[in-house]
Amino acid sequence: MEKLRICFAGTPAFAAAHLSRLLQSDHKVIAVYSQPDRPSGRGKKLHASPVKAIALENSIPCLQPVSLKSVEAEQQLRELNIDVLVVVAYGLILPQQILDIPKFGCVNVHASLLPRWRGAAPIERSILAGDKVTGVTIMQMDEGLDTGDMLNKVQVTIEDTDNRVDIEDKLIEAGSSALVTTLNQLSTFRENAEVQNDADTCYATKLDKSESLINWGSPASEIDRQVRASIGRTPAFSYLNQNRMRVIQARPIGSATDLNVSHGTIVACSKDSFEVQTAEGLLEVSSVQLPGKSATHVRDVLNSRPELFAPGNMFANSEEA
């Protein structure tokens, strides 16, 4: 195995987990690229990305250009004299002049089985679509959006109860292992690279806030996927008593539809959950987030507000309803 001089480019926790795994390999991480520090929290103080934090912990230089399209950025990368640039959820566009610098080009870890979901939100889109499998693709990057030749693919199963965080955890394990395997035999994987079939692709756009508004006129199974896909970023929500409420954990139960009950009506409530009528079946909700509060179990809400989820109460699509 050839020990490679590597530069790593990434920003969020998903990328940081791959960097940590790479640091345990026999390859040498020369430098790290990450997006500039962003303000967050109540005080809007600047915070380093998870990838930068890993770099600092391991005394690895961290570069944070606003863009890679400048002559300065190109020269900076060239001076590192690397074999390969590994890119995982970096968030900046790599122009062709950057892609051409490393000896073996740039390798990307993409969170889907390409070409199925190209784009920024493959995990969310796979859940929303009801996919039964997803995976990780190790790809040789080109100028297109996730269009490069595929070096290695690893499949994972999407269980009926998996949410976005569950799938991300599975893909971190699969992706970090596949990345090291690919780098250990990079020449062989490059020789056997597979060209993507553009006809098989879908574009995974980021979830818009409007997509998180629950339409109770949809089947319970569809709303369930909406809840599971939105965990942690754009939680699914609805309005109850003119207040916005996020639905954090739910599951579809039954398939019968009571035509005498309007969609969005609470039809039953127990000590741990409540059930809402949908266009097809019931949605059992067990965890919610009320305005200004943290996510909590329904049973804890009922201890202080037993009337909130009483049968007959109805969810609405806006505050005015």
Protein backbone atom coordinates (compact mmCIF):
# COMPACT_ATOMS: atom_id res chain seq x y z
CA MET A 1 0.00 0.00 0.00
CA GLU A 2 1.28 3.44 -0.96
CA LYS A 3 1.14 5.91 1.91
CA LEU A 4 -0.52 9.03 0.58
CA ARG A 5 -0.01 12.68 1.40
CA ILE A 6 -3.58 13.87 1.91
CA CYS A 7 -5.37 17.15 2.34
CA PHE A 8 -8.86 16.92 3.83
CA ALA A 9 -11.70 19.37 3.07
CA GLY A 10 -14.91 19.28 5.14
CA THR A 11 -17.00 21.24 7.62
CA PRO A 12 -19.80 19.55 9.68
CA ALA A 13 -19.74 16.67 12.17
CA PHE A 14 -20.36 14.15 9.37
CA ALA A 15 -17.08 15.23 7.77
CA ALA A 16 -15.24 15.37 11.11
CA ALA A 17 -16.02 11.71 11.74
CA HIS A 18 -14.40 10.81 8.42
CA LEU A 19 -11.34 12.92 9.24
CA SER A 20 -10.98 11.16 12.60
CA ARG A 21 -11.05 7.76 10.87
CA LEU A 22 -8.52 8.95 8.29
CA LEU A 23 -6.15 10.07 11.05
CA GLN A 24 -6.14 6.49 12.34
CA SER A 25 -4.94 5.17 8.97
CA ASP A 26 -1.37 4.90 7.67
CA HIS A 27 -1.84 7.90 5.40
CA LYS A 28 -0.55 11.38 6.25
CA VAL A 29 -2.98 14.28 6.55
CA ILE A 30 -0.90 17.32 5.62
CA ALA A 31 -3.53 20.02 6.04
CA VAL A 32 -7.26 20.57 6.45
CA TYR A 33 -9.66 22.91 4.68
CA SER A 34 -12.88 24.01 6.38
CA GLN A 35 -15.36 26.83 5.93
CA PRO A 36 -14.74 30.06 7.86
CA ASP A 37 -15.90 30.21 11.49
CA ARG A 38 -19.60 31.07 11.76
CA PRO A 39 -21.51 32.99 14.45
CA SER A 40 -23.90 30.84 16.46
CA GLY A 41 -25.67 30.72 19.80
CA ARG A 42 -27.34 33.54 21.69
CA GLY A 43 -24.24 35.69 21.72
CA LYS A 44 -23.55 35.05 18.03
CA LYS A 45 -19.92 34.32 18.83
CA LEU A 46 -17.72 32.81 16.15
CA HIS A 47 -17.38 29.04 16.44
CA ALA A 48 -15.02 26.68 14.68
CA SER A 49 -16.48 23.89 12.56
CA PRO A 50 -16.24 20.29 13.85
CA VAL A 51 -13.58 19.60 11.21
CA LYS A 52 -11.47 22.54 12.32
CA ALA A 53 -11.78 21.39 15.92
CA ILE A 54 -10.37 17.96 14.99
CA ALA A 55 -7.54 19.61 13.06
CA LEU A 56 -6.59 21.82 16.01
CA GLU A 57 -6.69 18.86 18.41
CA ASN A 58 -4.20 17.06 16.17
CA SER A 59 -1.98 20.08 15.40
CA ILE A 60 -2.87 20.00 11.71
CA PRO A 61 -2.87 23.31 9.80
CA CYS A 62 -6.43 24.44 9.01
CA LEU A 63 -7.06 26.67 6.00
CA GLN A 64 -10.34 28.58 5.77
CA PRO A 65 -10.59 30.48 2.49
CA VAL A 66 -13.90 32.10 1.60
CA SER A 67 -13.51 30.72 -1.91
CA LEU A 68 -11.19 28.38 -3.81
CA LYS A 69 -11.50 30.30 -7.05
CA SER A 70 -8.66 32.76 -6.43
CA VAL A 71 -5.08 32.52 -7.64
CA GLU A 72 -3.96 32.66 -4.00
CA ALA A 73 -6.08 29.63 -3.03
CA GLU A 74 -4.75 27.70 -6.01
CA GLN A 75 -1.14 28.48 -5.14
CA GLN A 76 -1.69 27.63 -1.47
CA LEU A 77 -2.95 24.14 -2.33
CA ARG A 78 -0.20 23.61 -4.90
CA GLU A 79 2.47 24.31 -2.28
CA LEU A 80 1.16 21.48 -0.09
CA ASN A 81 2.38 18.96 -2.69
CA ILE A 82 -0.35 16.40 -1.92
CA ASP A 83 -1.30 13.14 -3.58
CA VAL A 84 -5.04 13.48 -3.10
CA LEU A 85 -7.62 15.93 -1.76
CA VAL A 86 -10.39 14.16 0.19
CA VAL A 87 -13.66 16.12 0.24
CA VAL A 88 -16.54 15.35 2.64
CA ALA A 89 -19.41 17.84 2.99
CA TYR A 90 -17.08 20.80 2.52
CA GLY A 91 -19.66 23.24 1.18
CA LEU A 92 -17.48 25.18 -1.26
CA ILE A 93 -17.24 24.66 -5.02
CA LEU A 94 -13.95 23.22 -6.28
CA PRO A 95 -13.09 24.76 -9.68
CA GLN A 96 -11.23 22.72 -12.29
CA GLN A 97 -7.88 24.35 -11.51
CA ILE A 98 -8.17 23.03 -7.95
CA LEU A 99 -9.32 19.56 -9.04
CA ASP A 100 -6.24 19.27 -11.28
CA ILE A 101 -3.64 20.00 -8.59
CA PRO A 102 -3.37 16.76 -6.54
CA LYS A 103 -1.45 13.88 -8.10
CA PHE A 104 -4.52 11.60 -7.96
CA GLY A 105 -7.13 14.35 -8.12
CA CYS A 106 -9.91 14.90 -5.60
CA VAL A 107 -11.96 12.13 -3.97
CA ASN A 108 -15.41 12.81 -2.51
CA VAL A 109 -17.49 10.85 0.00
CA HIS A 110 -21.14 11.28 -1.01
CA ALA A 111 -24.01 10.15 1.24
CA SER A 112 -26.04 8.20 -1.31
CA LEU A 113 -25.73 5.38 -3.79
CA LEU A 114 -25.00 7.48 -6.84
CA PRO A 115 -26.42 8.35 -9.19
CA ARG A 116 -29.66 8.00 -7.20
CA TRP A 117 -29.45 11.24 -5.16
CA ARG A 118 -27.10 13.98 -6.30
CA GLY A 119 -27.13 17.21 -4.36
CA ALA A 120 -27.10 18.65 -0.86
CA ALA A 121 -29.70 16.56 1.03
CA PRO A 122 -29.44 12.92 -0.07
CA ILE A 123 -30.26 11.48 3.36
CA GLU A 124 -33.46 13.49 3.79
CA ARG A 125 -34.61 12.86 0.23
CA SER A 126 -34.04 9.11 0.48
CA ILE A 127 -36.22 8.94 3.61
CA LEU A 128 -38.95 11.12 2.10
CA ALA A 129 -39.01 8.97 -1.03
CA GLY A 130 -39.49 5.82 1.02
CA ASP A 131 -36.24 4.26 -0.19
CA LYS A 132 -35.41 0.96 1.51
CA VAL A 133 -31.67 1.24 0.93
CA THR A 134 -29.13 4.03 0.66
CA GLY A 135 -25.38 4.10 1.04
CA VAL A 136 -22.11 5.86 0.42
CA THR A 137 -20.31 6.46 -2.85
CA ILE A 138 -16.60 7.24 -2.99
CA MET A 139 -16.28 9.31 -6.15
CA GLN A 140 -13.54 10.82 -8.29
CA MET A 141 -14.56 14.46 -8.47
CA ASP A 142 -15.09 16.46 -11.64
CA GLU A 143 -16.60 19.90 -12.23
CA GLY A 144 -20.16 18.61 -12.24
CA LEU A 145 -22.44 18.29 -9.21
CA ASP A 146 -21.76 14.77 -7.89
CA THR A 147 -21.25 13.52 -11.45
CA GLY A 148 -17.75 12.03 -11.20
CA ASP A 149 -16.78 8.41 -11.78
CA MET A 150 -17.63 6.06 -8.91
CA LEU A 151 -14.68 4.35 -7.22
CA ASN A 152 -16.42 2.43 -4.42
CA LYS A 153 -19.99 1.99 -3.13
CA VAL A 154 -21.30 0.61 0.16
CA GLN A 155 -25.00 -0.05 0.78
CA VAL A 156 -26.91 0.39 4.06
CA THR A 157 -30.52 -0.45 4.88
CA ILE A 158 -33.13 2.16 5.79
CA GLU A 159 -35.36 0.66 8.48
CA ASP A 160 -38.97 1.81 8.84
CA THR A 161 -38.09 3.62 12.09
CA ASP A 162 -34.81 5.22 10.99
CA ASN A 163 -34.63 9.01 11.11
CA ARG A 164 -32.08 11.35 9.55
CA VAL A 165 -29.68 11.02 12.48
CA ASP A 166 -29.89 7.21 12.43
CA ILE A 167 -29.07 7.10 8.72
CA GLU A 168 -26.27 9.63 9.12
CA ASP A 169 -24.69 7.45 11.82
CA LYS A 170 -24.89 4.40 9.56
CA LEU A 171 -23.34 6.32 6.67
CA ILE A 172 -20.53 7.66 8.85
CA GLU A 173 -19.53 4.11 9.74
CA ALA A 174 -19.89 2.84 6.16
CA GLY A 175 -18.34 5.90 4.55
CA SER A 176 -15.30 6.28 6.79
CA SER A 177 -14.43 2.60 6.39
CA ALA A 178 -14.96 2.70 2.61
CA LEU A 179 -12.84 5.86 2.35
CA VAL A 180 -9.82 4.23 3.99
CA THR A 181 -10.27 1.06 1.95
CA THR A 182 -10.40 3.10 -1.25
CA LEU A 183 -7.32 5.13 -0.38
CA ASN A 184 -5.41 1.97 0.55
CA GLN A 185 -5.97 0.66 -2.99
CA LEU A 186 -6.50 3.92 -4.84
CA SER A 187 -4.79 2.94 -8.07
CA THR A 188 -6.88 -0.22 -8.38
CA PHE A 189 -10.15 1.59 -7.65
CA ARG A 190 -9.27 4.31 -10.17
CA GLU A 191 -8.57 1.72 -12.85
CA ASN A 192 -11.99 0.12 -12.26
CA ALA A 193 -14.00 3.33 -11.82
CA GLU A 194 -17.61 3.25 -13.01
CA VAL A 195 -19.17 6.04 -15.06
CA GLN A 196 -22.51 7.28 -13.71
CA ASN A 197 -25.69 6.89 -15.74
CA ASP A 198 -27.27 10.37 -15.78
CA ALA A 199 -30.68 8.85 -16.61
CA ASP A 200 -30.85 7.22 -13.15
CA THR A 201 -30.31 10.36 -11.10
CA CYS A 202 -32.54 12.54 -8.92
CA TYR A 203 -31.58 15.91 -7.47
CA ALA A 204 -31.58 16.08 -3.67
CA THR A 205 -32.36 19.73 -2.91
CA LYS A 206 -32.12 21.00 0.65
CA LEU A 207 -35.36 20.81 2.59
CA ASP A 208 -37.22 24.09 2.61
CA LYS A 209 -39.04 25.18 5.76
CA SER A 210 -42.33 24.96 3.88
CA GLU A 211 -41.74 21.23 3.34
CA SER A 212 -41.74 20.72 7.10
CA LEU A 213 -45.34 21.92 7.48
CA ILE A 214 -47.46 18.82 8.00
CA ASN A 215 -50.34 18.27 5.62
CA TRP A 216 -52.76 16.11 7.60
CA GLY A 217 -54.55 15.35 4.34
CA SER A 218 -51.63 13.07 3.47
CA PRO A 219 -51.36 9.39 4.47
CA ALA A 220 -49.94 8.68 7.92
CA SER A 221 -47.01 6.78 6.35
CA GLU A 222 -46.04 9.87 4.35
CA ILE A 223 -46.22 12.16 7.39
CA ASP A 224 -44.14 9.64 9.34
CA ARG A 225 -41.38 9.89 6.71
CA GLN A 226 -41.63 13.68 6.85
CA VAL A 227 -41.08 13.61 10.62
CA ARG A 228 -38.16 11.18 10.40
CA ALA A 229 -36.44 13.09 7.59
CA SER A 230 -36.66 16.44 9.39
CA ILE A 231 -35.13 15.48 12.75
CA GLY A 232 -32.48 17.94 13.93
CA ARG A 233 -32.58 20.49 11.11
CA THR A 234 -36.04 21.45 9.93
CA PRO A 235 -38.40 19.60 12.32
CA ALA A 236 -41.87 18.80 11.04
CA PHE A 237 -44.49 21.12 12.51
CA SER A 238 -48.17 21.99 12.65
CA TYR A 239 -50.41 24.43 14.53
CA LEU A 240 -52.49 23.58 17.58
CA ASN A 241 -54.51 26.27 19.36
CA GLN A 242 -52.82 28.83 17.06
CA ASN A 243 -49.37 27.84 18.35
CA ARG A 244 -46.73 26.17 16.24
CA MET A 245 -45.82 22.72 17.54
CA ARG A 246 -43.04 20.50 16.25
CA VAL A 247 -43.62 16.78 15.93
CA ILE A 248 -40.42 15.01 16.97
CA GLN A 249 -41.40 11.36 17.16
CA ALA A 250 -44.38 9.58 15.63
CA ARG A 251 -45.42 6.39 13.86
CA PRO A 252 -48.27 5.36 11.56
CA ILE A 253 -50.80 2.97 13.03
CA GLY A 254 -53.64 1.20 11.25
CA SER A 255 -54.86 1.90 7.74
CA ALA A 256 -58.57 2.56 8.26
CA THR A 257 -59.89 6.06 7.62
CA ASP A 258 -62.88 7.50 9.47
CA LEU A 259 -64.67 9.63 6.87
CA ASN A 260 -66.64 11.38 9.62
CA VAL A 261 -63.49 12.85 11.21
CA SER A 262 -61.60 15.75 9.63
CA HIS A 263 -57.93 15.30 8.85
CA GLY A 264 -55.76 16.67 11.66
CA THR A 265 -58.25 15.83 14.42
CA ILE A 266 -56.96 14.19 17.60
CA VAL A 267 -59.07 11.07 17.97
CA ALA A 268 -57.49 9.45 21.02
CA CYS A 269 -55.05 10.25 23.82
CA SER A 270 -53.29 7.95 26.28
CA LYS A 271 -50.75 8.71 29.00
CA ASP A 272 -47.83 8.40 26.54
CA SER A 273 -49.15 9.55 23.16
CA PHE A 274 -52.03 10.88 21.11
CA GLU A 275 -53.43 9.80 17.75
CA VAL A 276 -54.29 12.08 14.82
CA GLN A 277 -56.55 11.29 11.88
CA THR A 278 -54.86 11.54 8.47
CA ALA A 279 -56.05 10.86 4.94
CA GLU A 280 -55.07 7.24 5.41
CA GLY A 281 -54.66 5.78 8.88
CA LEU A 282 -53.69 7.37 12.18
CA LEU A 283 -50.43 8.99 13.24
CA GLU A 284 -49.45 8.22 16.82
CA VAL A 285 -47.36 11.09 18.25
CA SER A 286 -45.15 10.41 21.28
CA SER A 287 -42.74 13.36 21.36
CA VAL A 288 -43.28 17.06 20.57
CA GLN A 289 -41.68 20.46 20.97
CA LEU A 290 -43.84 23.35 22.14
CA PRO A 291 -42.98 27.01 21.43
CA GLY A 292 -39.96 28.15 23.46
CA LYS A 293 -39.45 24.68 24.95
CA SER A 294 -37.16 21.73 24.38
CA ALA A 295 -38.37 18.53 22.77
CA THR A 296 -40.26 16.43 25.29
CA HIS A 297 -42.37 13.29 25.62
CA VAL A 298 -46.12 13.70 25.28
CA ARG A 299 -46.59 12.17 28.74
CA ASP A 300 -44.59 15.04 30.29
CA VAL A 301 -46.70 17.64 28.47
CA LEU A 302 -49.89 15.96 29.68
CA ASN A 303 -48.73 16.23 33.30
CA SER A 304 -48.97 20.03 33.12
CA ARG A 305 -51.48 20.52 30.27
CA PRO A 306 -53.82 17.51 30.19
CA GLU A 307 -56.33 19.33 27.98
CA LEU A 308 -53.90 20.12 25.16
CA PHE A 309 -54.22 16.82 23.32
CA ALA A 310 -57.82 16.05 24.19
CA PRO A 311 -59.81 14.14 21.54
CA GLY A 312 -61.58 16.58 19.25
CA ASN A 313 -58.80 19.18 19.23
CA MET A 314 -57.66 19.83 15.70
CA PHE A 315 -54.35 20.74 14.08
CA ALA A 316 -54.31 23.52 11.48
CA ASN A 317 -52.03 24.63 8.65
CA SER A 318 -51.49 28.16 9.98
CA GLU A 319 -51.61 30.26 13.14
CA GLU A 320 -54.80 31.99 11.97
CA ALA A 321 -56.83 28.81 11.60
